[in-house]
Amino acid sequence: MLVRDIQYIFKKKWLEDDFAENGTLEIINANFIADEPTIFGKVSLQYANRELEWYLDKNLNISGLAPNIPQIWQDIADKDGYINSNYGWCIHSKENHQQYLKCIEELLRDPASRQGVMLYTRPTMHEDSKKNGMHDFMCTYATQLLIRKNKLHYMVFMRSSDAVFGFKNDLHWHKYVQGQAWLDLQNKYPDLEPGPIYWNAGSLHVYPRHFYLVDEYEPV
């Protein structure tokens, strides 16, 4: 399944008034290849790169996104501006056990390994997501990298994925990580090429404020 198939499913749900109980358009257990930069809407590279820089800074405070901090980050941050979902912190920090480094080391040890995993979330997320007035239960919980037939396959696993803003900005991040992993593995595997990015979301959804994008979509 590709992005165009996901677009078609959302359009069909829209035309049939097939809404979830919370008022969103929702695809449960969505699995597809992220072969397009967006599902609906356009990418703002200016913002996506600003968010990428903030992630790479491993800053758990949304002040690192200033000025013009997006409302969604303000809504989920705690009373002092702290969040859980700085993805750079999740995979690069010593506090979260250097997930990226361990993933690369595993694939350098064994290119056939099924243990090239980066764990984003943690068992304490149920409590951590509510500390000090926070509302940030991390959406991405893991990624997995597999080397097969000289391709670096990259899988994203999410509990929840907003098909408009969330998908395009998260994909920008994961493309960066895949690209960095490819470079870090090339010395040992010079014939390695980037493979597909597979998107797996327990809930892939469109919020009511973006229904107009689904309405405007015309399947090719």
N, C-alpha and C. Protein backbone atom coordinates (compact mmCIF):
# COMPACT_ATOMS: atom_id res chain seq x y z
N MET A 1 0.84 -1.19 0.00
CA MET A 1 0.00 0.00 0.00
C MET A 1 0.88 1.25 0.00
N LEU A 2 0.49 2.24 -0.81
CA LEU A 2 1.25 3.48 -0.94
C LEU A 2 0.42 4.66 -0.42
N VAL A 3 1.02 5.85 -0.44
CA VAL A 3 0.32 7.04 0.05
C VAL A 3 -0.97 7.26 -0.72
N ARG A 4 -0.95 7.05 -2.03
CA ARG A 4 -2.18 7.28 -2.80
C ARG A 4 -3.32 6.37 -2.34
N ASP A 5 -3.00 5.17 -1.86
CA ASP A 5 -4.03 4.27 -1.36
C ASP A 5 -4.63 4.81 -0.06
N ILE A 6 -3.77 5.39 0.78
CA ILE A 6 -4.24 5.99 2.03
C ILE A 6 -5.14 7.19 1.73
N GLN A 7 -4.74 8.01 0.76
CA GLN A 7 -5.56 9.15 0.36
C GLN A 7 -6.94 8.68 -0.11
N TYR A 8 -6.95 7.63 -0.89
CA TYR A 8 -8.22 7.09 -1.41
C TYR A 8 -9.12 6.60 -0.28
N ILE A 9 -8.53 5.92 0.71
CA ILE A 9 -9.33 5.42 1.84
C ILE A 9 -9.94 6.57 2.63
N PHE A 10 -9.15 7.61 2.87
CA PHE A 10 -9.68 8.77 3.59
C PHE A 10 -10.81 9.44 2.79
N LYS A 11 -10.61 9.57 1.49
CA LYS A 11 -11.64 10.19 0.65
C LYS A 11 -12.92 9.36 0.69
N LYS A 12 -12.80 8.05 0.65
CA LYS A 12 -13.96 7.18 0.69
C LYS A 12 -14.69 7.34 2.02
N LYS A 13 -13.93 7.39 3.13
CA LYS A 13 -14.54 7.58 4.44
C LYS A 13 -15.28 8.92 4.50
N TRP A 14 -14.68 9.95 3.91
CA TRP A 14 -15.30 11.28 3.90
C TRP A 14 -16.63 11.26 3.14
N LEU A 15 -16.64 10.64 1.99
CA LEU A 15 -17.84 10.61 1.16
C LEU A 15 -18.95 9.77 1.80
N GLU A 16 -18.55 8.78 2.60
CA GLU A 16 -19.53 7.90 3.24
C GLU A 16 -19.86 8.32 4.67
N ASP A 17 -19.37 9.50 5.09
CA ASP A 17 -19.60 9.98 6.46
C ASP A 17 -19.17 8.95 7.50
N ASP A 18 -18.03 8.32 7.24
CA ASP A 18 -17.52 7.26 8.11
C ASP A 18 -16.52 7.87 9.10
N PHE A 19 -17.05 8.46 10.17
CA PHE A 19 -16.21 9.14 11.15
C PHE A 19 -16.01 8.28 12.40
N ALA A 20 -14.88 8.48 13.05
CA ALA A 20 -14.63 7.83 14.33
C ALA A 20 -15.47 8.50 15.42
N GLU A 21 -15.55 7.85 16.56
CA GLU A 21 -16.36 8.38 17.67
C GLU A 21 -15.90 9.75 18.13
N ASN A 22 -14.62 10.05 17.96
CA ASN A 22 -14.11 11.35 18.40
C ASN A 22 -14.22 12.42 17.32
N GLY A 23 -14.88 12.10 16.21
CA GLY A 23 -15.11 13.09 15.17
C GLY A 23 -14.04 13.18 14.10
N THR A 24 -13.00 12.38 14.20
CA THR A 24 -11.96 12.39 13.18
C THR A 24 -12.28 11.40 12.07
N LEU A 25 -11.59 11.54 10.96
CA LEU A 25 -11.51 10.47 9.98
C LEU A 25 -10.32 9.61 10.38
N GLU A 26 -10.52 8.31 10.52
CA GLU A 26 -9.47 7.48 11.10
C GLU A 26 -9.32 6.16 10.35
N ILE A 27 -8.06 5.80 10.12
CA ILE A 27 -7.72 4.47 9.61
C ILE A 27 -7.01 3.74 10.74
N ILE A 28 -7.55 2.62 11.17
CA ILE A 28 -6.96 1.83 12.25
C ILE A 28 -5.95 0.85 11.66
N ASN A 29 -4.81 0.74 12.32
CA ASN A 29 -3.74 -0.18 11.90
C ASN A 29 -3.31 0.11 10.46
N ALA A 30 -2.97 1.37 10.20
CA ALA A 30 -2.54 1.78 8.87
C ALA A 30 -1.10 1.33 8.62
N ASN A 31 -0.88 0.69 7.48
CA ASN A 31 0.45 0.21 7.10
C ASN A 31 0.68 0.54 5.63
N PHE A 32 1.71 1.34 5.34
CA PHE A 32 1.94 1.74 3.95
C PHE A 32 3.38 2.20 3.78
N ILE A 33 3.80 2.28 2.53
CA ILE A 33 5.13 2.81 2.22
C ILE A 33 5.00 4.32 2.07
N ALA A 34 5.83 5.05 2.79
CA ALA A 34 5.79 6.52 2.76
C ALA A 34 6.56 7.00 1.53
N ASP A 35 5.92 6.87 0.36
CA ASP A 35 6.58 7.17 -0.91
C ASP A 35 6.34 8.61 -1.38
N GLU A 36 5.58 9.38 -0.61
CA GLU A 36 5.35 10.79 -0.90
C GLU A 36 5.65 11.61 0.36
N PRO A 37 6.05 12.87 0.21
CA PRO A 37 6.41 13.68 1.39
C PRO A 37 5.22 14.07 2.25
N THR A 38 4.00 14.01 1.70
CA THR A 38 2.80 14.34 2.47
C THR A 38 1.67 13.39 2.08
N ILE A 39 0.68 13.31 2.97
CA ILE A 39 -0.58 12.65 2.61
C ILE A 39 -1.55 13.72 2.12
N PHE A 40 -1.74 14.76 2.91
CA PHE A 40 -2.52 15.93 2.52
C PHE A 40 -1.74 17.18 2.90
N GLY A 41 -1.90 18.24 2.12
CA GLY A 41 -1.21 19.49 2.43
C GLY A 41 0.18 19.53 1.83
N LYS A 42 0.91 20.58 2.15
CA LYS A 42 2.25 20.79 1.62
C LYS A 42 3.26 20.86 2.77
N VAL A 43 4.49 20.51 2.46
CA VAL A 43 5.57 20.57 3.44
C VAL A 43 6.10 22.00 3.53
N SER A 44 6.23 22.50 4.75
CA SER A 44 6.96 23.75 4.98
C SER A 44 8.38 23.37 5.37
N LEU A 45 9.29 23.43 4.41
CA LEU A 45 10.66 23.04 4.69
C LEU A 45 11.30 23.97 5.73
N GLN A 46 10.87 25.21 5.74
CA GLN A 46 11.40 26.15 6.73
C GLN A 46 11.09 25.66 8.14
N TYR A 47 9.83 25.26 8.38
CA TYR A 47 9.49 24.76 9.70
C TYR A 47 10.08 23.37 9.95
N ALA A 48 9.99 22.49 8.97
CA ALA A 48 10.49 21.12 9.15
C ALA A 48 11.97 21.12 9.51
N ASN A 49 12.74 21.99 8.87
CA ASN A 49 14.17 22.07 9.19
C ASN A 49 14.41 22.70 10.55
N ARG A 50 13.55 23.64 10.93
CA ARG A 50 13.67 24.24 12.26
C ARG A 50 13.40 23.20 13.35
N GLU A 51 12.39 22.37 13.13
CA GLU A 51 12.09 21.29 14.07
C GLU A 51 13.23 20.27 14.10
N LEU A 52 13.80 19.96 12.93
CA LEU A 52 14.93 19.04 12.86
C LEU A 52 16.11 19.55 13.67
N GLU A 53 16.42 20.83 13.55
CA GLU A 53 17.53 21.41 14.32
C GLU A 53 17.27 21.32 15.81
N TRP A 54 16.03 21.55 16.20
CA TRP A 54 15.65 21.44 17.62
C TRP A 54 15.82 20.01 18.11
N TYR A 55 15.41 19.05 17.31
CA TYR A 55 15.60 17.65 17.67
C TYR A 55 17.08 17.33 17.85
N LEU A 56 17.90 17.77 16.91
CA LEU A 56 19.32 17.44 16.98
C LEU A 56 20.01 18.12 18.15
N ASP A 57 19.41 19.20 18.65
CA ASP A 57 19.93 19.87 19.84
C ASP A 57 19.56 19.11 21.12
N LYS A 58 18.65 18.14 21.00
CA LYS A 58 18.20 17.29 22.13
C LYS A 58 17.60 18.13 23.26
N ASN A 59 16.96 19.23 22.90
CA ASN A 59 16.40 20.16 23.89
C ASN A 59 14.97 19.74 24.22
N LEU A 60 14.71 19.38 25.46
CA LEU A 60 13.38 18.93 25.88
C LEU A 60 12.45 20.09 26.21
N ASN A 61 12.88 21.32 25.98
CA ASN A 61 12.03 22.47 26.24
C ASN A 61 11.65 23.13 24.91
N ILE A 62 10.37 23.46 24.78
CA ILE A 62 9.90 24.03 23.51
C ILE A 62 10.45 25.42 23.25
N SER A 63 11.12 26.02 24.22
CA SER A 63 11.76 27.31 23.99
C SER A 63 12.79 27.21 22.86
N GLY A 64 13.29 26.00 22.61
CA GLY A 64 14.24 25.78 21.54
C GLY A 64 13.64 25.97 20.16
N LEU A 65 12.31 26.06 20.09
CA LEU A 65 11.63 26.30 18.81
C LEU A 65 11.28 27.77 18.61
N ALA A 66 11.56 28.60 19.59
CA ALA A 66 11.22 30.02 19.50
C ALA A 66 12.03 30.70 18.40
N PRO A 67 11.48 31.75 17.77
CA PRO A 67 10.15 32.32 17.99
C PRO A 67 9.08 31.54 17.22
N ASN A 68 7.86 31.93 17.38
CA ASN A 68 6.73 31.31 16.67
C ASN A 68 6.62 29.82 16.96
N ILE A 69 6.52 29.49 18.25
CA ILE A 69 6.37 28.09 18.65
C ILE A 69 4.97 27.61 18.25
N PRO A 70 4.86 26.53 17.47
CA PRO A 70 3.54 26.05 17.05
C PRO A 70 2.63 25.77 18.25
N GLN A 71 1.35 26.02 18.07
CA GLN A 71 0.38 25.88 19.15
C GLN A 71 0.34 24.47 19.71
N ILE A 72 0.52 23.46 18.86
CA ILE A 72 0.44 22.08 19.32
C ILE A 72 1.50 21.78 20.37
N TRP A 73 2.70 22.34 20.18
CA TRP A 73 3.75 22.13 21.17
C TRP A 73 3.43 22.86 22.47
N GLN A 74 2.85 24.04 22.36
CA GLN A 74 2.45 24.77 23.56
C GLN A 74 1.36 24.03 24.32
N ASP A 75 0.45 23.38 23.59
CA ASP A 75 -0.66 22.69 24.22
C ASP A 75 -0.23 21.45 25.00
N ILE A 76 0.81 20.77 24.53
CA ILE A 76 1.20 19.52 25.18
C ILE A 76 2.31 19.68 26.21
N ALA A 77 3.00 20.84 26.20
CA ALA A 77 4.11 21.06 27.12
C ALA A 77 3.63 21.20 28.57
N ASP A 78 4.53 20.93 29.51
CA ASP A 78 4.16 21.13 30.92
C ASP A 78 4.22 22.61 31.27
N LYS A 79 4.00 22.93 32.53
CA LYS A 79 3.90 24.33 32.95
C LYS A 79 5.19 25.11 32.73
N ASP A 80 6.30 24.38 32.59
CA ASP A 80 7.59 25.04 32.40
C ASP A 80 8.11 24.89 30.97
N GLY A 81 7.27 24.37 30.08
CA GLY A 81 7.65 24.27 28.68
C GLY A 81 8.34 22.98 28.28
N TYR A 82 8.35 21.99 29.15
CA TYR A 82 9.04 20.74 28.84
C TYR A 82 8.10 19.71 28.22
N ILE A 83 8.67 18.89 27.32
CA ILE A 83 7.91 17.83 26.63
C ILE A 83 8.73 16.54 26.67
N ASN A 84 8.12 15.45 26.21
CA ASN A 84 8.84 14.18 26.05
C ASN A 84 9.32 13.96 24.63
N SER A 85 8.60 14.52 23.66
CA SER A 85 8.73 14.10 22.27
C SER A 85 9.78 14.85 21.47
N ASN A 86 10.93 15.11 22.06
CA ASN A 86 12.05 15.57 21.24
C ASN A 86 12.74 14.32 20.71
N TYR A 87 12.51 14.01 19.44
CA TYR A 87 12.96 12.73 18.90
C TYR A 87 14.48 12.60 18.85
N GLY A 88 15.18 13.72 18.72
CA GLY A 88 16.64 13.67 18.77
C GLY A 88 17.12 13.22 20.14
N TRP A 89 16.48 13.74 21.18
CA TRP A 89 16.81 13.30 22.54
C TRP A 89 16.54 11.81 22.68
N CYS A 90 15.44 11.35 22.09
CA CYS A 90 15.04 9.94 22.24
C CYS A 90 16.10 8.98 21.70
N ILE A 91 16.73 9.33 20.59
CA ILE A 91 17.65 8.36 19.98
C ILE A 91 19.13 8.70 20.15
N HIS A 92 19.44 9.93 20.57
CA HIS A 92 20.85 10.32 20.67
C HIS A 92 21.33 10.58 22.10
N SER A 93 20.43 10.70 23.06
CA SER A 93 20.87 11.07 24.41
C SER A 93 21.39 9.86 25.20
N LYS A 94 22.33 10.13 26.08
CA LYS A 94 22.80 9.09 27.00
C LYS A 94 21.68 8.69 27.96
N GLU A 95 20.81 9.67 28.31
CA GLU A 95 19.71 9.39 29.24
C GLU A 95 18.76 8.32 28.69
N ASN A 96 18.61 8.28 27.37
CA ASN A 96 17.76 7.26 26.75
C ASN A 96 18.60 6.16 26.09
N HIS A 97 19.83 6.02 26.58
CA HIS A 97 20.68 4.87 26.25
C HIS A 97 21.15 4.81 24.80
N GLN A 98 21.32 5.99 24.18
CA GLN A 98 21.97 6.11 22.87
C GLN A 98 21.42 5.09 21.86
N GLN A 99 20.14 5.19 21.62
CA GLN A 99 19.45 4.24 20.76
C GLN A 99 20.03 4.19 19.34
N TYR A 100 20.33 5.34 18.78
CA TYR A 100 20.87 5.37 17.41
C TYR A 100 22.21 4.66 17.34
N LEU A 101 23.10 5.01 18.24
CA LEU A 101 24.45 4.42 18.24
C LEU A 101 24.38 2.90 18.37
N LYS A 102 23.52 2.41 19.25
CA LYS A 102 23.42 0.97 19.46
C LYS A 102 22.82 0.27 18.25
N CYS A 103 21.89 0.93 17.59
CA CYS A 103 21.30 0.37 16.37
C CYS A 103 22.37 0.23 15.28
N ILE A 104 23.16 1.27 15.07
CA ILE A 104 24.20 1.23 14.05
C ILE A 104 25.26 0.18 14.41
N GLU A 105 25.66 0.13 15.65
CA GLU A 105 26.65 -0.87 16.08
C GLU A 105 26.16 -2.28 15.82
N GLU A 106 24.86 -2.52 16.04
CA GLU A 106 24.29 -3.84 15.82
C GLU A 106 24.34 -4.20 14.33
N LEU A 107 24.00 -3.26 13.46
CA LEU A 107 24.01 -3.54 12.03
C LEU A 107 25.42 -3.67 11.47
N LEU A 108 26.37 -2.98 12.08
CA LEU A 108 27.77 -3.16 11.69
C LEU A 108 28.29 -4.53 12.13
N ARG A 109 27.79 -5.00 13.24
CA ARG A 109 28.18 -6.33 13.74
C ARG A 109 27.60 -7.43 12.87
N ASP A 110 26.34 -7.25 12.47
CA ASP A 110 25.65 -8.30 11.73
C ASP A 110 24.64 -7.67 10.77
N PRO A 111 24.95 -7.62 9.47
CA PRO A 111 24.03 -6.98 8.53
C PRO A 111 22.69 -7.70 8.39
N ALA A 112 22.63 -8.95 8.82
CA ALA A 112 21.37 -9.71 8.75
C ALA A 112 20.56 -9.59 10.04
N SER A 113 21.03 -8.77 10.96
CA SER A 113 20.38 -8.68 12.27
C SER A 113 18.95 -8.16 12.17
N ARG A 114 18.12 -8.64 13.09
CA ARG A 114 16.76 -8.13 13.26
C ARG A 114 16.66 -7.29 14.54
N GLN A 115 17.82 -6.91 15.10
CA GLN A 115 17.86 -6.15 16.33
C GLN A 115 18.30 -4.69 16.13
N GLY A 116 18.27 -4.23 14.89
CA GLY A 116 18.61 -2.83 14.62
C GLY A 116 17.43 -1.93 14.94
N VAL A 117 17.18 -1.76 16.21
CA VAL A 117 15.97 -1.08 16.70
C VAL A 117 16.35 0.15 17.51
N MET A 118 15.56 1.21 17.38
CA MET A 118 15.67 2.39 18.24
C MET A 118 14.36 2.51 19.00
N LEU A 119 14.43 2.48 20.32
CA LEU A 119 13.25 2.58 21.17
C LEU A 119 13.08 4.03 21.61
N TYR A 120 11.99 4.63 21.22
CA TYR A 120 11.73 6.03 21.52
C TYR A 120 11.07 6.19 22.89
N THR A 121 10.07 5.40 23.17
CA THR A 121 9.29 5.58 24.39
C THR A 121 9.80 4.67 25.50
N ARG A 122 9.12 4.63 26.62
CA ARG A 122 9.58 3.90 27.80
C ARG A 122 8.38 3.48 28.63
N PRO A 123 8.56 2.50 29.52
CA PRO A 123 7.43 1.99 30.30
C PRO A 123 6.78 3.03 31.21
N THR A 124 7.51 4.09 31.54
CA THR A 124 6.97 5.11 32.45
C THR A 124 6.19 6.21 31.72
N MET A 125 5.95 6.02 30.41
CA MET A 125 5.31 7.08 29.63
C MET A 125 3.91 7.42 30.14
N HIS A 126 3.20 6.44 30.67
CA HIS A 126 1.86 6.72 31.19
C HIS A 126 1.90 7.78 32.29
N GLU A 127 2.93 7.71 33.13
CA GLU A 127 3.09 8.70 34.21
C GLU A 127 3.80 9.96 33.71
N ASP A 128 4.86 9.75 32.91
CA ASP A 128 5.67 10.88 32.44
C ASP A 128 4.87 11.84 31.57
N SER A 129 3.87 11.32 30.88
CA SER A 129 3.10 12.15 29.96
C SER A 129 2.21 13.15 30.68
N LYS A 130 2.05 12.99 31.99
CA LYS A 130 1.13 13.85 32.76
C LYS A 130 1.84 14.71 33.80
N LYS A 131 3.15 14.61 33.90
CA LYS A 131 3.88 15.34 34.94
C LYS A 131 3.78 16.85 34.76
N ASN A 132 3.53 17.53 35.86
CA ASN A 132 3.56 19.00 35.88
C ASN A 132 2.64 19.62 34.82
N GLY A 133 1.49 18.98 34.61
CA GLY A 133 0.52 19.53 33.66
C GLY A 133 0.81 19.21 32.20
N MET A 134 1.72 18.28 31.93
CA MET A 134 2.06 17.91 30.56
C MET A 134 0.95 17.06 29.94
N HIS A 135 0.86 17.10 28.61
CA HIS A 135 -0.07 16.25 27.85
C HIS A 135 0.68 15.68 26.66
N ASP A 136 1.78 14.97 26.92
CA ASP A 136 2.64 14.50 25.83
C ASP A 136 2.97 13.03 25.99
N PHE A 137 2.06 12.18 25.50
CA PHE A 137 2.30 10.74 25.42
C PHE A 137 2.89 10.51 24.03
N MET A 138 4.17 10.17 23.99
CA MET A 138 4.91 10.13 22.74
C MET A 138 4.21 9.29 21.67
N CYS A 139 4.16 9.81 20.45
CA CYS A 139 3.47 9.12 19.35
C CYS A 139 4.31 7.99 18.75
N THR A 140 5.57 8.26 18.45
CA THR A 140 6.46 7.23 17.91
C THR A 140 7.00 6.40 19.06
N TYR A 141 6.87 5.08 18.95
CA TYR A 141 7.46 4.28 20.03
C TYR A 141 8.67 3.48 19.59
N ALA A 142 8.91 3.31 18.29
CA ALA A 142 10.11 2.60 17.86
C ALA A 142 10.32 2.76 16.37
N THR A 143 11.57 2.55 15.94
CA THR A 143 11.89 2.36 14.53
C THR A 143 12.79 1.13 14.43
N GLN A 144 12.77 0.51 13.26
CA GLN A 144 13.62 -0.65 13.02
C GLN A 144 14.27 -0.52 11.67
N LEU A 145 15.56 -0.86 11.60
CA LEU A 145 16.31 -0.83 10.35
C LEU A 145 16.74 -2.25 10.00
N LEU A 146 16.49 -2.62 8.75
CA LEU A 146 16.89 -3.93 8.24
C LEU A 146 17.70 -3.75 6.97
N ILE A 147 18.81 -4.47 6.87
CA ILE A 147 19.59 -4.50 5.64
C ILE A 147 19.25 -5.78 4.90
N ARG A 148 18.64 -5.62 3.73
CA ARG A 148 18.26 -6.76 2.92
C ARG A 148 18.54 -6.45 1.45
N LYS A 149 19.32 -7.35 0.80
CA LYS A 149 19.65 -7.20 -0.63
C LYS A 149 20.20 -5.81 -0.92
N ASN A 150 21.13 -5.37 -0.08
CA ASN A 150 21.83 -4.08 -0.24
C ASN A 150 20.90 -2.87 -0.13
N LYS A 151 19.75 -3.03 0.51
CA LYS A 151 18.83 -1.93 0.77
C LYS A 151 18.69 -1.73 2.28
N LEU A 152 18.69 -0.46 2.70
CA LEU A 152 18.47 -0.14 4.11
C LEU A 152 17.00 0.18 4.31
N HIS A 153 16.24 -0.80 4.75
CA HIS A 153 14.80 -0.63 4.98
C HIS A 153 14.58 0.01 6.35
N TYR A 154 13.62 0.91 6.40
CA TYR A 154 13.40 1.72 7.62
C TYR A 154 11.92 1.67 7.97
N MET A 155 11.61 1.17 9.15
CA MET A 155 10.22 1.02 9.59
C MET A 155 9.92 1.92 10.77
N VAL A 156 8.81 2.63 10.68
CA VAL A 156 8.35 3.53 11.74
C VAL A 156 7.11 2.91 12.39
N PHE A 157 7.11 2.86 13.72
CA PHE A 157 5.98 2.31 14.47
C PHE A 157 5.42 3.38 15.40
N MET A 158 4.14 3.70 15.22
CA MET A 158 3.51 4.80 15.96
C MET A 158 2.20 4.34 16.57
N ARG A 159 1.90 4.88 17.75
CA ARG A 159 0.58 4.63 18.33
C ARG A 159 -0.45 5.53 17.66
N SER A 160 -0.01 6.73 17.22
CA SER A 160 -0.91 7.75 16.71
C SER A 160 -0.18 8.61 15.70
N SER A 161 -0.82 8.89 14.57
CA SER A 161 -0.18 9.69 13.53
C SER A 161 -1.20 10.60 12.87
N ASP A 162 -1.03 11.91 13.04
CA ASP A 162 -1.86 12.91 12.36
C ASP A 162 -1.46 12.91 10.89
N ALA A 163 -2.42 12.63 10.02
CA ALA A 163 -2.13 12.45 8.59
C ALA A 163 -1.78 13.75 7.88
N VAL A 164 -1.93 14.89 8.54
CA VAL A 164 -1.62 16.17 7.89
C VAL A 164 -0.31 16.73 8.46
N PHE A 165 -0.37 17.46 9.56
CA PHE A 165 0.85 18.07 10.10
C PHE A 165 1.83 17.02 10.62
N GLY A 166 1.33 16.06 11.38
CA GLY A 166 2.22 15.09 12.03
C GLY A 166 3.01 14.26 11.03
N PHE A 167 2.33 13.70 10.04
CA PHE A 167 3.00 12.81 9.10
C PHE A 167 4.14 13.50 8.37
N LYS A 168 3.88 14.66 7.79
CA LYS A 168 4.90 15.28 6.95
C LYS A 168 6.12 15.73 7.75
N ASN A 169 5.91 16.22 8.97
CA ASN A 169 7.05 16.65 9.77
C ASN A 169 7.80 15.46 10.37
N ASP A 170 7.07 14.43 10.78
CA ASP A 170 7.73 13.23 11.29
C ASP A 170 8.51 12.53 10.18
N LEU A 171 7.93 12.47 8.98
CA LEU A 171 8.63 11.83 7.86
C LEU A 171 9.92 12.58 7.53
N HIS A 172 9.89 13.89 7.62
CA HIS A 172 11.11 14.69 7.37
C HIS A 172 12.21 14.25 8.35
N TRP A 173 11.85 14.05 9.60
CA TRP A 173 12.81 13.58 10.61
C TRP A 173 13.33 12.18 10.27
N HIS A 174 12.43 11.27 9.97
CA HIS A 174 12.84 9.88 9.73
C HIS A 174 13.66 9.75 8.45
N LYS A 175 13.39 10.57 7.46
CA LYS A 175 14.24 10.58 6.26
C LYS A 175 15.65 11.01 6.62
N TYR A 176 15.76 11.99 7.51
CA TYR A 176 17.08 12.44 7.94
C TYR A 176 17.81 11.31 8.66
N VAL A 177 17.14 10.64 9.58
CA VAL A 177 17.78 9.57 10.35
C VAL A 177 18.19 8.42 9.42
N GLN A 178 17.33 8.05 8.49
CA GLN A 178 17.69 7.01 7.55
C GLN A 178 18.92 7.41 6.74
N GLY A 179 18.95 8.66 6.29
CA GLY A 179 20.09 9.14 5.52
C GLY A 179 21.38 9.11 6.31
N GLN A 180 21.30 9.50 7.58
CA GLN A 180 22.48 9.48 8.44
C GLN A 180 22.95 8.05 8.69
N ALA A 181 22.00 7.15 8.92
CA ALA A 181 22.34 5.74 9.13
C ALA A 181 23.00 5.16 7.88
N TRP A 182 22.48 5.49 6.72
CA TRP A 182 23.06 5.02 5.46
C TRP A 182 24.52 5.47 5.33
N LEU A 183 24.78 6.74 5.66
CA LEU A 183 26.16 7.24 5.60
C LEU A 183 27.06 6.53 6.61
N ASP A 184 26.54 6.28 7.80
CA ASP A 184 27.35 5.66 8.85
C ASP A 184 27.62 4.18 8.57
N LEU A 185 26.82 3.57 7.72
CA LEU A 185 26.99 2.15 7.40
C LEU A 185 27.76 1.94 6.10
N GLN A 186 27.94 2.98 5.31
CA GLN A 186 28.52 2.84 3.98
C GLN A 186 29.99 2.42 3.99
N ASN A 187 30.73 2.82 5.01
CA ASN A 187 32.14 2.44 5.05
C ASN A 187 32.31 0.93 5.04
N LYS A 188 31.41 0.24 5.74
CA LYS A 188 31.48 -1.23 5.79
C LYS A 188 30.70 -1.86 4.66
N TYR A 189 29.60 -1.20 4.25
CA TYR A 189 28.74 -1.75 3.20
C TYR A 189 28.64 -0.74 2.05
N PRO A 190 29.69 -0.63 1.21
CA PRO A 190 29.73 0.43 0.19
C PRO A 190 28.63 0.32 -0.86
N ASP A 191 28.05 -0.85 -1.04
CA ASP A 191 26.99 -1.01 -2.05
C ASP A 191 25.59 -0.75 -1.48
N LEU A 192 25.52 -0.40 -0.21
CA LEU A 192 24.23 -0.19 0.44
C LEU A 192 23.52 1.03 -0.13
N GLU A 193 22.20 0.90 -0.33
CA GLU A 193 21.37 2.00 -0.82
C GLU A 193 20.19 2.21 0.13
N PRO A 194 19.67 3.45 0.23
CA PRO A 194 18.47 3.66 1.04
C PRO A 194 17.29 2.90 0.45
N GLY A 195 16.55 2.20 1.31
CA GLY A 195 15.35 1.50 0.89
C GLY A 195 14.10 2.28 1.26
N PRO A 196 12.95 1.63 1.20
CA PRO A 196 11.70 2.31 1.53
C PRO A 196 11.60 2.66 3.02
N ILE A 197 10.74 3.64 3.30
CA ILE A 197 10.32 3.92 4.67
C ILE A 197 8.89 3.41 4.81
N TYR A 198 8.70 2.48 5.74
CA TYR A 198 7.39 1.88 5.96
C TYR A 198 6.74 2.55 7.17
N TRP A 199 5.49 2.95 7.02
CA TRP A 199 4.76 3.67 8.08
C TRP A 199 3.72 2.74 8.69
N ASN A 200 3.78 2.57 9.99
CA ASN A 200 2.84 1.72 10.71
C ASN A 200 2.23 2.52 11.86
N ALA A 201 0.93 2.76 11.79
CA ALA A 201 0.28 3.60 12.80
C ALA A 201 -0.97 2.91 13.32
N GLY A 202 -1.06 2.78 14.64
CA GLY A 202 -2.28 2.23 15.24
C GLY A 202 -3.49 3.05 14.87
N SER A 203 -3.32 4.38 14.88
CA SER A 203 -4.37 5.30 14.46
C SER A 203 -3.76 6.35 13.55
N LEU A 204 -4.16 6.33 12.29
CA LEU A 204 -3.80 7.38 11.34
C LEU A 204 -5.06 8.19 11.10
N HIS A 205 -5.02 9.50 11.37
CA HIS A 205 -6.27 10.25 11.41
C HIS A 205 -6.13 11.66 10.83
N VAL A 206 -7.29 12.19 10.44
CA VAL A 206 -7.41 13.57 9.98
C VAL A 206 -8.37 14.29 10.91
N TYR A 207 -7.93 15.43 11.47
CA TYR A 207 -8.78 16.21 12.37
C TYR A 207 -9.80 17.03 11.58
N PRO A 208 -10.92 17.38 12.19
CA PRO A 208 -11.97 18.13 11.48
C PRO A 208 -11.46 19.41 10.81
N ARG A 209 -10.49 20.09 11.42
CA ARG A 209 -10.00 21.34 10.83
C ARG A 209 -9.33 21.12 9.47
N HIS A 210 -9.01 19.85 9.16
CA HIS A 210 -8.35 19.55 7.89
C HIS A 210 -9.24 18.75 6.94
N PHE A 211 -10.51 18.64 7.25
CA PHE A 211 -11.41 17.88 6.38
C PHE A 211 -11.47 18.49 4.98
N TYR A 212 -11.27 19.80 4.88
CA TYR A 212 -11.35 20.45 3.57
C TYR A 212 -10.29 19.90 2.62
N LEU A 213 -9.14 19.46 3.16
CA LEU A 213 -8.09 18.88 2.33
C LEU A 213 -8.52 17.54 1.74
N VAL A 214 -9.24 16.77 2.55
CA VAL A 214 -9.77 15.50 2.06
C VAL A 214 -10.85 15.75 1.02
N ASP A 215 -11.69 16.73 1.28
CA ASP A 215 -12.78 17.07 0.36
C ASP A 215 -12.23 17.52 -0.99
N GLU A 216 -11.12 18.26 -0.97
CA GLU A 216 -10.53 18.78 -2.22
C GLU A 216 -9.75 17.71 -2.99
N TYR A 217 -9.40 16.62 -2.31
CA TYR A 217 -8.57 15.61 -2.94
C TYR A 217 -9.32 14.87 -4.04
N GLU A 218 -8.68 14.76 -5.21
CA GLU A 218 -9.26 14.02 -6.32
C GLU A 218 -8.31 12.87 -6.68
N PRO A 219 -8.76 11.64 -6.49
CA PRO A 219 -7.89 10.49 -6.84
C PRO A 219 -7.45 10.55 -8.30
N VAL A 220 -6.20 10.20 -8.51
CA VAL A 220 -5.64 10.22 -9.88
C VAL A 220 -6.08 8.95 -10.61
